[in-house]
Amino acid sequence: MTVYCLDSLPEREIVPGFHARFVHSDHMTLAYWRVDAQAVLPEHSHPHEQVTTVLEGEIEITISGKSTLLKAGNAVVIPSNIPHQAKALSPCRLMDAFYPAREEYRK
């Protein structure tokens, strides 16, 4: 069993304004994000299923061209290979669960 202290994990800026700490299992990746207000995540897709949970703040997410406002306590499922993008309307804390694991984030 491995216990992680999230505050002690290295933080990486994946795109400008999106800072993450990662926890990996054999089959999943959890990303704990600190997002700057007004930071934009460009449209992209990936083969991983993704569940995004907003822990703090507000973020506008667009999935397959449909935009919605997510607030603390909201979660959304993004199926694999579906285009999505986001813009933080305030400073945010998010948690993403990816399946299968994001091997590029293990590095």
PDB file of N, CA and C in Angstrom:
ATOM      1  N   MET A   1       0.847  -1.171   0.000  1.00  0.00           N
ATOM      2  CA  MET A   1       0.000   0.000   0.000  1.00  0.00           C
ATOM      3  C   MET A   1       0.895   1.238   0.000  1.00  0.00           C
ATOM      4  N   THR A   2       0.537   2.182  -0.827  1.00  0.00           N
ATOM      5  CA  THR A   2       1.258   3.452  -0.884  1.00  0.00           C
ATOM      6  C   THR A   2       0.318   4.560  -0.450  1.00  0.00           C
ATOM      7  N   VAL A   3       0.778   5.391   0.472  1.00  0.00           N
ATOM      8  CA  VAL A   3       0.012   6.554   0.918  1.00  0.00           C
ATOM      9  C   VAL A   3       0.720   7.789   0.378  1.00  0.00           C
ATOM     10  N   TYR A   4      -0.040   8.673  -0.243  1.00  0.00           N
ATOM     11  CA  TYR A   4       0.526   9.873  -0.838  1.00  0.00           C
ATOM     12  C   TYR A   4       0.139  11.095  -0.024  1.00  0.00           C
ATOM     13  N   CYS A   5       1.076  11.978   0.205  1.00  0.00           N
ATOM     14  CA  CYS A   5       0.800  13.305   0.743  1.00  0.00           C
ATOM     15  C   CYS A   5       0.779  14.231  -0.467  1.00  0.00           C
ATOM     16  N   LEU A   6      -0.407  14.656  -0.877  1.00  0.00           N
ATOM     17  CA  LEU A   6      -0.544  15.406  -2.119  1.00  0.00           C
ATOM     18  C   LEU A   6       0.322  16.658  -2.138  1.00  0.00           C
ATOM     19  N   ASP A   7       0.427  17.330  -1.006  1.00  0.00           N
ATOM     20  CA  ASP A   7       1.221  18.562  -0.960  1.00  0.00           C
ATOM     21  C   ASP A   7       2.707  18.313  -1.194  1.00  0.00           C
ATOM     22  N   SER A   8       3.153  17.083  -1.002  1.00  0.00           N
ATOM     23  CA  SER A   8       4.575  16.797  -1.193  1.00  0.00           C
ATOM     24  C   SER A   8       4.893  16.311  -2.610  1.00  0.00           C
ATOM     25  N   LEU A   9       3.875  16.026  -3.408  1.00  0.00           N
ATOM     26  CA  LEU A   9       4.114  15.600  -4.788  1.00  0.00           C
ATOM     27  C   LEU A   9       4.548  16.796  -5.624  1.00  0.00           C
ATOM     28  N   PRO A  10       5.416  16.583  -6.606  1.00  0.00           N
ATOM     29  CA  PRO A  10       5.822  17.706  -7.455  1.00  0.00           C
ATOM     30  C   PRO A  10       4.636  18.221  -8.272  1.00  0.00           C
ATOM     31  N   GLU A  11       4.576  19.533  -8.398  1.00  0.00           N
ATOM     32  CA  GLU A  11       3.516  20.161  -9.199  1.00  0.00           C
ATOM     33  C   GLU A  11       4.104  20.490 -10.568  1.00  0.00           C
ATOM     34  N   ARG A  12       3.350  20.134 -11.621  1.00  0.00           N
ATOM     35  CA  ARG A  12       3.795  20.382 -12.998  1.00  0.00           C
ATOM     36  C   ARG A  12       2.762  21.239 -13.706  1.00  0.00           C
ATOM     37  N   GLU A  13       3.231  22.237 -14.445  1.00  0.00           N
ATOM     38  CA  GLU A  13       2.327  23.064 -15.256  1.00  0.00           C
ATOM     39  C   GLU A  13       2.224  22.398 -16.622  1.00  0.00           C
ATOM     40  N   ILE A  14       1.062  21.816 -16.898  1.00  0.00           N
ATOM     41  CA  ILE A  14       0.862  21.031 -18.117  1.00  0.00           C
ATOM     42  C   ILE A  14       0.566  21.943 -19.305  1.00  0.00           C
ATOM     43  N   VAL A  15      -0.299  22.906 -19.111  1.00  0.00           N
ATOM     44  CA  VAL A  15      -0.525  24.011 -20.053  1.00  0.00           C
ATOM     45  C   VAL A  15      -0.544  25.272 -19.198  1.00  0.00           C
ATOM     46  N   PRO A  16      -0.324  26.445 -19.781  1.00  0.00           N
ATOM     47  CA  PRO A  16      -0.263  27.653 -18.955  1.00  0.00           C
ATOM     48  C   PRO A  16      -1.495  27.794 -18.046  1.00  0.00           C
ATOM     49  N   GLY A  17      -1.219  27.933 -16.753  1.00  0.00           N
ATOM     50  CA  GLY A  17      -2.280  28.127 -15.771  1.00  0.00           C
ATOM     51  C   GLY A  17      -2.880  26.861 -15.207  1.00  0.00           C
ATOM     52  N   PHE A  18      -2.537  25.692 -15.726  1.00  0.00           N
ATOM     53  CA  PHE A  18      -3.054  24.401 -15.248  1.00  0.00           C
ATOM     54  C   PHE A  18      -1.908  23.627 -14.605  1.00  0.00           C
ATOM     55  N   HIS A  19      -1.890  23.595 -13.263  1.00  0.00           N
ATOM     56  CA  HIS A  19      -0.829  22.987 -12.478  1.00  0.00           C
ATOM     57  C   HIS A  19      -1.358  21.699 -11.853  1.00  0.00           C
ATOM     58  N   ALA A  20      -0.627  20.596 -12.003  1.00  0.00           N
ATOM     59  CA  ALA A  20      -1.151  19.304 -11.546  1.00  0.00           C
ATOM     60  C   ALA A  20      -0.155  18.543 -10.692  1.00  0.00           C
ATOM     61  N   ARG A  21      -0.716  17.742  -9.795  1.00  0.00           N
ATOM     62  CA  ARG A  21       0.011  16.723  -9.039  1.00  0.00           C
ATOM     63  C   ARG A  21      -0.669  15.400  -9.387  1.00  0.00           C
ATOM     64  N   PHE A  22       0.120  14.357  -9.639  1.00  0.00           N
ATOM     65  CA  PHE A  22      -0.424  13.105 -10.150  1.00  0.00           C
ATOM     66  C   PHE A  22      -0.223  11.939  -9.185  1.00  0.00           C
ATOM     67  N   VAL A  23      -1.245  11.101  -9.132  1.00  0.00           N
ATOM     68  CA  VAL A  23      -1.185   9.816  -8.439  1.00  0.00           C
ATOM     69  C   VAL A  23      -1.558   8.762  -9.477  1.00  0.00           C
ATOM     70  N   HIS A  24      -0.741   7.725  -9.577  1.00  0.00           N
ATOM     71  CA  HIS A  24      -0.961   6.677 -10.574  1.00  0.00           C
ATOM     72  C   HIS A  24      -1.159   5.326  -9.903  1.00  0.00           C
ATOM     73  N   SER A  25      -2.108   4.570 -10.425  1.00  0.00           N
ATOM     74  CA  SER A  25      -2.221   3.155 -10.090  1.00  0.00           C
ATOM     75  C   SER A  25      -1.830   2.376 -11.346  1.00  0.00           C
ATOM     76  N   ASP A  26      -1.963   1.082 -11.312  1.00  0.00           N
ATOM     77  CA  ASP A  26      -1.648   0.300 -12.501  1.00  0.00           C
ATOM     78  C   ASP A  26      -2.541   0.679 -13.676  1.00  0.00           C
ATOM     79  N   HIS A  27      -3.792   1.066 -13.391  1.00  0.00           N
ATOM     80  CA  HIS A  27      -4.774   1.256 -14.457  1.00  0.00           C
ATOM     81  C   HIS A  27      -5.387   2.646 -14.535  1.00  0.00           C
ATOM     82  N   MET A  28      -5.109   3.501 -13.569  1.00  0.00           N
ATOM     83  CA  MET A  28      -5.734   4.830 -13.539  1.00  0.00           C
ATOM     84  C   MET A  28      -4.706   5.903 -13.206  1.00  0.00           C
ATOM     85  N   THR A  29      -5.051   7.126 -13.576  1.00  0.00           N
ATOM     86  CA  THR A  29      -4.300   8.301 -13.154  1.00  0.00           C
ATOM     87  C   THR A  29      -5.279   9.280 -12.528  1.00  0.00           C
ATOM     88  N   LEU A  30      -4.919   9.802 -11.371  1.00  0.00           N
ATOM     89  CA  LEU A  30      -5.666  10.883 -10.737  1.00  0.00           C
ATOM     90  C   LEU A  30      -4.816  12.138 -10.848  1.00  0.00           C
ATOM     91  N   ALA A  31      -5.438  13.220 -11.308  1.00  0.00           N
ATOM     92  CA  ALA A  31      -4.755  14.504 -11.436  1.00  0.00           C
ATOM     93  C   ALA A  31      -5.440  15.496 -10.516  1.00  0.00           C
ATOM     94  N   TYR A  32      -4.674  16.110  -9.648  1.00  0.00           N
ATOM     95  CA  TYR A  32      -5.173  17.133  -8.729  1.00  0.00           C
ATOM     96  C   TYR A  32      -4.675  18.474  -9.255  1.00  0.00           C
ATOM     97  N   TRP A  33      -5.606  19.279  -9.762  1.00  0.00           N
ATOM     98  CA  TRP A  33      -5.277  20.516 -10.474  1.00  0.00           C
ATOM     99  C   TRP A  33      -5.481  21.743  -9.609  1.00  0.00           C
ATOM    100  N   ARG A  34      -4.546  22.674  -9.752  1.00  0.00           N
ATOM    101  CA  ARG A  34      -4.693  24.046  -9.271  1.00  0.00           C
ATOM    102  C   ARG A  34      -4.696  24.895 -10.535  1.00  0.00           C
ATOM    103  N   VAL A  35      -5.808  25.578 -10.775  1.00  0.00           N
ATOM    104  CA  VAL A  35      -5.989  26.284 -12.036  1.00  0.00           C
ATOM    105  C   VAL A  35      -6.110  27.786 -11.769  1.00  0.00           C
ATOM    106  N   ASP A  36      -5.334  28.552 -12.503  1.00  0.00           N
ATOM    107  CA  ASP A  36      -5.381  30.010 -12.382  1.00  0.00           C
ATOM    108  C   ASP A  36      -6.646  30.554 -13.043  1.00  0.00           C
ATOM    109  N   ALA A  37      -7.190  31.632 -12.479  1.00  0.00           N
ATOM    110  CA  ALA A  37      -8.352  32.294 -13.088  1.00  0.00           C
ATOM    111  C   ALA A  37      -8.010  32.696 -14.518  1.00  0.00           C
ATOM    112  N   GLN A  38      -8.957  32.492 -15.406  1.00  0.00           N
ATOM    113  CA  GLN A  38      -8.872  32.832 -16.829  1.00  0.00           C
ATOM    114  C   GLN A  38      -7.956  31.904 -17.629  1.00  0.00           C
ATOM    115  N   ALA A  39      -7.388  30.876 -17.011  1.00  0.00           N
ATOM    116  CA  ALA A  39      -6.560  29.922 -17.755  1.00  0.00           C
ATOM    117  C   ALA A  39      -7.439  29.139 -18.726  1.00  0.00           C
ATOM    118  N   VAL A  40      -6.893  28.871 -19.896  1.00  0.00           N
ATOM    119  CA  VAL A  40      -7.635  28.182 -20.956  1.00  0.00           C
ATOM    120  C   VAL A  40      -6.952  26.856 -21.272  1.00  0.00           C
ATOM    121  N   LEU A  41      -7.751  25.799 -21.275  1.00  0.00           N
ATOM    122  CA  LEU A  41      -7.294  24.487 -21.714  1.00  0.00           C
ATOM    123  C   LEU A  41      -7.764  24.329 -23.161  1.00  0.00           C
ATOM    124  N   PRO A  42      -6.847  24.313 -24.125  1.00  0.00           N
ATOM    125  CA  PRO A  42      -7.255  24.231 -25.530  1.00  0.00           C
ATOM    126  C   PRO A  42      -8.014  22.932 -25.836  1.00  0.00           C
ATOM    127  N   GLU A  43      -8.814  22.991 -26.886  1.00  0.00           N
ATOM    128  CA  GLU A  43      -9.557  21.796 -27.290  1.00  0.00           C
ATOM    129  C   GLU A  43      -8.585  20.661 -27.606  1.00  0.00           C
ATOM    130  N   HIS A  44      -8.928  19.480 -27.117  1.00  0.00           N
ATOM    131  CA  HIS A  44      -8.129  18.289 -27.332  1.00  0.00           C
ATOM    132  C   HIS A  44      -9.009  17.068 -27.098  1.00  0.00           C
ATOM    133  N   SER A  45      -8.481  15.922 -27.401  1.00  0.00           N
ATOM    134  CA  SER A  45      -9.152  14.652 -27.075  1.00  0.00           C
ATOM    135  C   SER A  45      -8.053  13.627 -26.788  1.00  0.00           C
ATOM    136  N   HIS A  46      -8.443  12.539 -26.172  1.00  0.00           N
ATOM    137  CA  HIS A  46      -7.506  11.464 -25.840  1.00  0.00           C
ATOM    138  C   HIS A  46      -8.303  10.180 -25.681  1.00  0.00           C
ATOM    139  N   PRO A  47      -7.630   9.039 -25.740  1.00  0.00           N
ATOM    140  CA  PRO A  47      -8.350   7.762 -25.659  1.00  0.00           C
ATOM    141  C   PRO A  47      -8.823   7.407 -24.254  1.00  0.00           C
ATOM    142  N   HIS A  48      -8.496   8.216 -23.264  1.00  0.00           N
ATOM    143  CA  HIS A  48      -8.839   7.918 -21.872  1.00  0.00           C
ATOM    144  C   HIS A  48     -10.241   8.429 -21.535  1.00  0.00           C
ATOM    145  N   GLU A  49     -10.997   7.638 -20.786  1.00  0.00           N
ATOM    146  CA  GLU A  49     -12.206   8.168 -20.158  1.00  0.00           C
ATOM    147  C   GLU A  49     -11.748   9.119 -19.067  1.00  0.00           C
ATOM    148  N   GLN A  50     -12.528  10.162 -18.836  1.00  0.00           N
ATOM    149  CA  GLN A  50     -12.143  11.168 -17.849  1.00  0.00           C
ATOM    150  C   GLN A  50     -13.365  11.561 -17.029  1.00  0.00           C
ATOM    151  N   VAL A  51     -13.196  11.620 -15.734  1.00  0.00           N
ATOM    152  CA  VAL A  51     -14.225  12.173 -14.844  1.00  0.00           C
ATOM    153  C   VAL A  51     -13.588  13.362 -14.147  1.00  0.00           C
ATOM    154  N   THR A  52     -14.165  14.548 -14.367  1.00  0.00           N
ATOM    155  CA  THR A  52     -13.670  15.784 -13.762  1.00  0.00           C
ATOM    156  C   THR A  52     -14.603  16.188 -12.636  1.00  0.00           C
ATOM    157  N   THR A  53     -14.024  16.443 -11.465  1.00  0.00           N
ATOM    158  CA  THR A  53     -14.777  16.915 -10.304  1.00  0.00           C
ATOM    159  C   THR A  53     -14.227  18.280  -9.911  1.00  0.00           C
ATOM    160  N   VAL A  54     -15.139  19.251  -9.744  1.00  0.00           N
ATOM    161  CA  VAL A  54     -14.739  20.591  -9.310  1.00  0.00           C
ATOM    162  C   VAL A  54     -14.777  20.612  -7.785  1.00  0.00           C
ATOM    163  N   LEU A  55     -13.626  20.867  -7.184  1.00  0.00           N
ATOM    164  CA  LEU A  55     -13.524  20.929  -5.729  1.00  0.00           C
ATOM    165  C   LEU A  55     -13.723  22.357  -5.222  1.00  0.00           C
ATOM    166  N   GLU A  56     -13.226  23.325  -5.977  1.00  0.00           N
ATOM    167  CA  GLU A  56     -13.357  24.748  -5.648  1.00  0.00           C
ATOM    168  C   GLU A  56     -13.422  25.534  -6.948  1.00  0.00           C
ATOM    169  N   GLY A  57     -14.175  26.640  -6.933  1.00  0.00           N
ATOM    170  CA  GLY A  57     -14.184  27.559  -8.060  1.00  0.00           C
ATOM    171  C   GLY A  57     -15.239  27.241  -9.102  1.00  0.00           C
ATOM    172  N   GLU A  58     -15.100  27.930 -10.247  1.00  0.00           N
ATOM    173  CA  GLU A  58     -16.022  27.766 -11.373  1.00  0.00           C
ATOM    174  C   GLU A  58     -15.219  27.658 -12.659  1.00  0.00           C
ATOM    175  N   ILE A  59     -15.637  26.738 -13.508  1.00  0.00           N
ATOM    176  CA  ILE A  59     -14.959  26.522 -14.780  1.00  0.00           C
ATOM    177  C   ILE A  59     -16.005  26.239 -15.849  1.00  0.00           C
ATOM    178  N   GLU A  60     -15.810  26.824 -17.021  1.00  0.00           N
ATOM    179  CA  GLU A  60     -16.684  26.538 -18.153  1.00  0.00           C
ATOM    180  C   GLU A  60     -16.018  25.453 -18.974  1.00  0.00           C
ATOM    181  N   ILE A  61     -16.744  24.375 -19.209  1.00  0.00           N
ATOM    182  CA  ILE A  61     -16.200  23.266 -19.989  1.00  0.00           C
ATOM    183  C   ILE A  61     -17.066  23.072 -21.224  1.00  0.00           C
ATOM    184  N   THR A  62     -16.410  22.813 -22.330  1.00  0.00           N
ATOM    185  CA  THR A  62     -17.103  22.564 -23.590  1.00  0.00           C
ATOM    186  C   THR A  62     -16.744  21.159 -24.039  1.00  0.00           C
ATOM    187  N   ILE A  63     -17.771  20.330 -24.212  1.00  0.00           N
ATOM    188  CA  ILE A  63     -17.601  18.939 -24.628  1.00  0.00           C
ATOM    189  C   ILE A  63     -18.414  18.744 -25.895  1.00  0.00           C
ATOM    190  N   SER A  64     -17.751  18.344 -26.957  1.00  0.00           N
ATOM    191  CA  SER A  64     -18.406  18.163 -28.266  1.00  0.00           C
ATOM    192  C   SER A  64     -19.199  19.407 -28.661  1.00  0.00           C
ATOM    193  N   GLY A  65     -18.641  20.582 -28.397  1.00  0.00           N
ATOM    194  CA  GLY A  65     -19.267  21.836 -28.799  1.00  0.00           C
ATOM    195  C   GLY A  65     -20.341  22.356 -27.866  1.00  0.00           C
ATOM    196  N   LYS A  66     -20.666  21.639 -26.808  1.00  0.00           N
ATOM    197  CA  LYS A  66     -21.701  22.079 -25.863  1.00  0.00           C
ATOM    198  C   LYS A  66     -21.038  22.562 -24.576  1.00  0.00           C
ATOM    199  N   SER A  67     -21.267  23.844 -24.240  1.00  0.00           N
ATOM    200  CA  SER A  67     -20.644  24.440 -23.060  1.00  0.00           C
ATOM    201  C   SER A  67     -21.562  24.379 -21.856  1.00  0.00           C
ATOM    202  N   THR A  68     -20.941  24.220 -20.677  1.00  0.00           N
ATOM    203  CA  THR A  68     -21.678  24.231 -19.420  1.00  0.00           C
ATOM    204  C   THR A  68     -20.779  24.784 -18.329  1.00  0.00           C
ATOM    205  N   LEU A  69     -21.393  25.404 -17.339  1.00  0.00           N
ATOM    206  CA  LEU A  69     -20.681  25.946 -16.194  1.00  0.00           C
ATOM    207  C   LEU A  69     -20.663  24.900 -15.094  1.00  0.00           C
ATOM    208  N   LEU A  70     -19.477  24.600 -14.598  1.00  0.00           N
ATOM    209  CA  LEU A  70     -19.327  23.666 -13.484  1.00  0.00           C
ATOM    210  C   LEU A  70     -18.861  24.440 -12.268  1.00  0.00           C
ATOM    211  N   LYS A  71     -19.478  24.144 -11.123  1.00  0.00           N
ATOM    212  CA  LYS A  71     -19.133  24.782  -9.856  1.00  0.00           C
ATOM    213  C   LYS A  71     -18.692  23.710  -8.868  1.00  0.00           C
ATOM    214  N   ALA A  72     -18.169  24.160  -7.727  1.00  0.00           N
ATOM    215  CA  ALA A  72     -17.744  23.220  -6.694  1.00  0.00           C
ATOM    216  C   ALA A  72     -18.871  22.239  -6.389  1.00  0.00           C
ATOM    217  N   GLY A  73     -18.538  20.973  -6.366  1.00  0.00           N
ATOM    218  CA  GLY A  73     -19.519  19.925  -6.105  1.00  0.00           C
ATOM    219  C   GLY A  73     -20.076  19.295  -7.369  1.00  0.00           C
ATOM    220  N   ASN A  74     -19.740  19.849  -8.549  1.00  0.00           N
ATOM    221  CA  ASN A  74     -20.188  19.272  -9.817  1.00  0.00           C
ATOM    222  C   ASN A  74     -19.125  18.317 -10.355  1.00  0.00           C
ATOM    223  N   ALA A  75     -19.587  17.316 -11.091  1.00  0.00           N
ATOM    224  CA  ALA A  75     -18.692  16.386 -11.781  1.00  0.00           C
ATOM    225  C   ALA A  75     -19.252  16.133 -13.171  1.00  0.00           C
ATOM    226  N   VAL A  76     -18.371  15.821 -14.108  1.00  0.00           N
ATOM    227  CA  VAL A  76     -18.784  15.534 -15.475  1.00  0.00           C
ATOM    228  C   VAL A  76     -17.946  14.375 -16.000  1.00  0.00           C
ATOM    229  N   VAL A  77     -18.582  13.524 -16.798  1.00  0.00           N
ATOM    230  CA  VAL A  77     -17.897  12.397 -17.434  1.00  0.00           C
ATOM    231  C   VAL A  77     -17.616  12.779 -18.883  1.00  0.00           C
ATOM    232  N   ILE A  78     -16.373  12.619 -19.287  1.00  0.00           N
ATOM    233  CA  ILE A  78     -15.969  12.879 -20.670  1.00  0.00           C
ATOM    234  C   ILE A  78     -15.556  11.539 -21.276  1.00  0.00           C
ATOM    235  N   PRO A  79     -16.349  11.032 -22.236  1.00  0.00           N
ATOM    236  CA  PRO A  79     -15.997   9.748 -22.849  1.00  0.00           C
ATOM    237  C   PRO A  79     -14.681   9.833 -23.632  1.00  0.00           C
ATOM    238  N   SER A  80     -14.091   8.704 -23.905  1.00  0.00           N
ATOM    239  CA  SER A  80     -12.841   8.675 -24.660  1.00  0.00           C
ATOM    240  C   SER A  80     -13.044   9.236 -26.062  1.00  0.00           C
ATOM    241  N   ASN A  81     -11.991   9.887 -26.557  1.00  0.00           N
ATOM    242  CA  ASN A  81     -11.910  10.426 -27.915  1.00  0.00           C
ATOM    243  C   ASN A  81     -12.909  11.538 -28.223  1.00  0.00           C
ATOM    244  N   ILE A  82     -13.484  12.177 -27.220  1.00  0.00           N
ATOM    245  CA  ILE A  82     -14.433  13.268 -27.422  1.00  0.00           C
ATOM    246  C   ILE A  82     -13.693  14.602 -27.242  1.00  0.00           C
ATOM    247  N   PRO A  83     -13.793  15.522 -28.221  1.00  0.00           N
ATOM    248  CA  PRO A  83     -13.129  16.816 -28.080  1.00  0.00           C
ATOM    249  C   PRO A  83     -13.708  17.606 -26.905  1.00  0.00           C
ATOM    250  N   HIS A  84     -12.805  18.233 -26.128  1.00  0.00           N
ATOM    251  CA  HIS A  84     -13.236  19.050 -25.001  1.00  0.00           C
ATOM    252  C   HIS A  84     -12.207  20.140 -24.734  1.00  0.00           C
ATOM    253  N   GLN A  85     -12.675  21.204 -24.091  1.00  0.00           N
ATOM    254  CA  GLN A  85     -11.831  22.341 -23.731  1.00  0.00           C
ATOM    255  C   GLN A  85     -12.433  22.998 -22.508  1.00  0.00           C
ATOM    256  N   ALA A  86     -11.680  23.908 -21.884  1.00  0.00           N
ATOM    257  CA  ALA A  86     -12.183  24.535 -20.664  1.00  0.00           C
ATOM    258  C   ALA A  86     -11.561  25.911 -20.477  1.00  0.00           C
ATOM    259  N   LYS A  87     -12.279  26.746 -19.686  1.00  0.00           N
ATOM    260  CA  LYS A  87     -11.761  28.046 -19.271  1.00  0.00           C
ATOM    261  C   LYS A  87     -12.158  28.261 -17.823  1.00  0.00           C
ATOM    262  N   ALA A  88     -11.167  28.541 -16.973  1.00  0.00           N
ATOM    263  CA  ALA A  88     -11.420  28.788 -15.553  1.00  0.00           C
ATOM    264  C   ALA A  88     -11.987  30.198 -15.395  1.00  0.00           C
ATOM    265  N   LEU A  89     -13.142  30.311 -14.781  1.00  0.00           N
ATOM    266  CA  LEU A  89     -13.753  31.618 -14.550  1.00  0.00           C
ATOM    267  C   LEU A  89     -13.284  32.222 -13.236  1.00  0.00           C
ATOM    268  N   SER A  90     -12.677  31.411 -12.401  1.00  0.00           N
ATOM    269  CA  SER A  90     -12.112  31.842 -11.123  1.00  0.00           C
ATOM    270  C   SER A  90     -10.956  30.894 -10.833  1.00  0.00           C
ATOM    271  N   PRO A  91     -10.155  31.162  -9.809  1.00  0.00           N
ATOM    272  CA  PRO A  91      -9.182  30.143  -9.417  1.00  0.00           C
ATOM    273  C   PRO A  91      -9.939  28.861  -9.062  1.00  0.00           C
ATOM    274  N   CYS A  92      -9.409  27.732  -9.488  1.00  0.00           N
ATOM    275  CA  CYS A  92     -10.118  26.456  -9.302  1.00  0.00           C
ATOM    276  C   CYS A  92      -9.188  25.396  -8.729  1.00  0.00           C
ATOM    277  N   ARG A  93      -9.823  24.433  -8.093  1.00  0.00           N
ATOM    278  CA  ARG A  93      -9.179  23.168  -7.746  1.00  0.00           C
ATOM    279  C   ARG A  93     -10.075  22.085  -8.337  1.00  0.00           C
ATOM    280  N   LEU A  94      -9.449  21.197  -9.102  1.00  0.00           N
ATOM    281  CA  LEU A  94     -10.169  20.130  -9.797  1.00  0.00           C
ATOM    282  C   LEU A  94      -9.484  18.806  -9.494  1.00  0.00           C
ATOM    283  N   MET A  95     -10.229  17.730  -9.673  1.00  0.00           N
ATOM    284  CA  MET A  95      -9.653  16.400  -9.629  1.00  0.00           C
ATOM    285  C   MET A  95     -10.163  15.649 -10.848  1.00  0.00           C
ATOM    286  N   ASP A  96      -9.223  15.135 -11.637  1.00  0.00           N
ATOM    287  CA  ASP A  96      -9.560  14.316 -12.796  1.00  0.00           C
ATOM    288  C   ASP A  96      -9.169  12.875 -12.520  1.00  0.00           C
ATOM    289  N   ALA A  97     -10.051  11.961 -12.892  1.00  0.00           N
ATOM    290  CA  ALA A  97      -9.745  10.533 -12.885  1.00  0.00           C
ATOM    291  C   ALA A  97      -9.705  10.082 -14.338  1.00  0.00           C
ATOM    292  N   PHE A  98      -8.605   9.453 -14.731  1.00  0.00           N
ATOM    293  CA  PHE A  98      -8.433   8.975 -16.103  1.00  0.00           C
ATOM    294  C   PHE A  98      -8.301   7.459 -16.107  1.00  0.00           C
ATOM    295  N   TYR A  99      -8.987   6.830 -17.077  1.00  0.00           N
ATOM    296  CA  TYR A  99      -8.840   5.392 -17.299  1.00  0.00           C
ATOM    297  C   TYR A  99      -8.743   5.164 -18.795  1.00  0.00           C
ATOM    298  N   PRO A 100      -7.751   4.435 -19.255  1.00  0.00           N
ATOM    299  CA  PRO A 100      -6.635   3.881 -18.501  1.00  0.00           C
ATOM    300  C   PRO A 100      -5.662   4.975 -18.058  1.00  0.00           C
ATOM    301  N   ALA A 101      -4.623   4.568 -17.374  1.00  0.00           N
ATOM    302  CA  ALA A 101      -3.636   5.510 -16.845  1.00  0.00           C
ATOM    303  C   ALA A 101      -3.037   6.362 -17.964  1.00  0.00           C
ATOM    304  N   ARG A 102      -2.730   7.613 -17.638  1.00  0.00           N
ATOM    305  CA  ARG A 102      -2.068   8.541 -18.568  1.00  0.00           C
ATOM    306  C   ARG A 102      -0.562   8.322 -18.457  1.00  0.00           C
ATOM    307  N   GLU A 103      -0.044   7.464 -19.309  1.00  0.00           N
ATOM    308  CA  GLU A 103       1.376   7.110 -19.242  1.00  0.00           C
ATOM    309  C   GLU A 103       2.277   8.321 -19.443  1.00  0.00           C
ATOM    310  N   GLU A 104       1.842   9.294 -20.252  1.00  0.00           N
ATOM    311  CA  GLU A 104       2.679  10.477 -20.494  1.00  0.00           C
ATOM    312  C   GLU A 104       2.826  11.340 -19.245  1.00  0.00           C
ATOM    313  N   TYR A 105       1.932  11.176 -18.280  1.00  0.00           N
ATOM    314  CA  TYR A 105       2.029  11.933 -17.024  1.00  0.00           C
ATOM    315  C   TYR A 105       2.865  11.214 -15.971  1.00  0.00           C
ATOM    316  N   ARG A 106       3.260   9.978 -16.221  1.00  0.00           N
ATOM    317  CA  ARG A 106       4.113   9.254 -15.270  1.00  0.00           C
ATOM    318  C   ARG A 106       5.550   9.783 -15.294  1.00  0.00           C
ATOM    319  N   LYS A 107       5.932  10.421 -16.380  1.00  0.00           N
ATOM    320  CA  LYS A 107       7.326  10.862 -16.564  1.00  0.00           C
ATOM    321  C   LYS A 107       7.657  12.018 -15.671  1.00  0.00           C
TER     322      LYS A 107
END
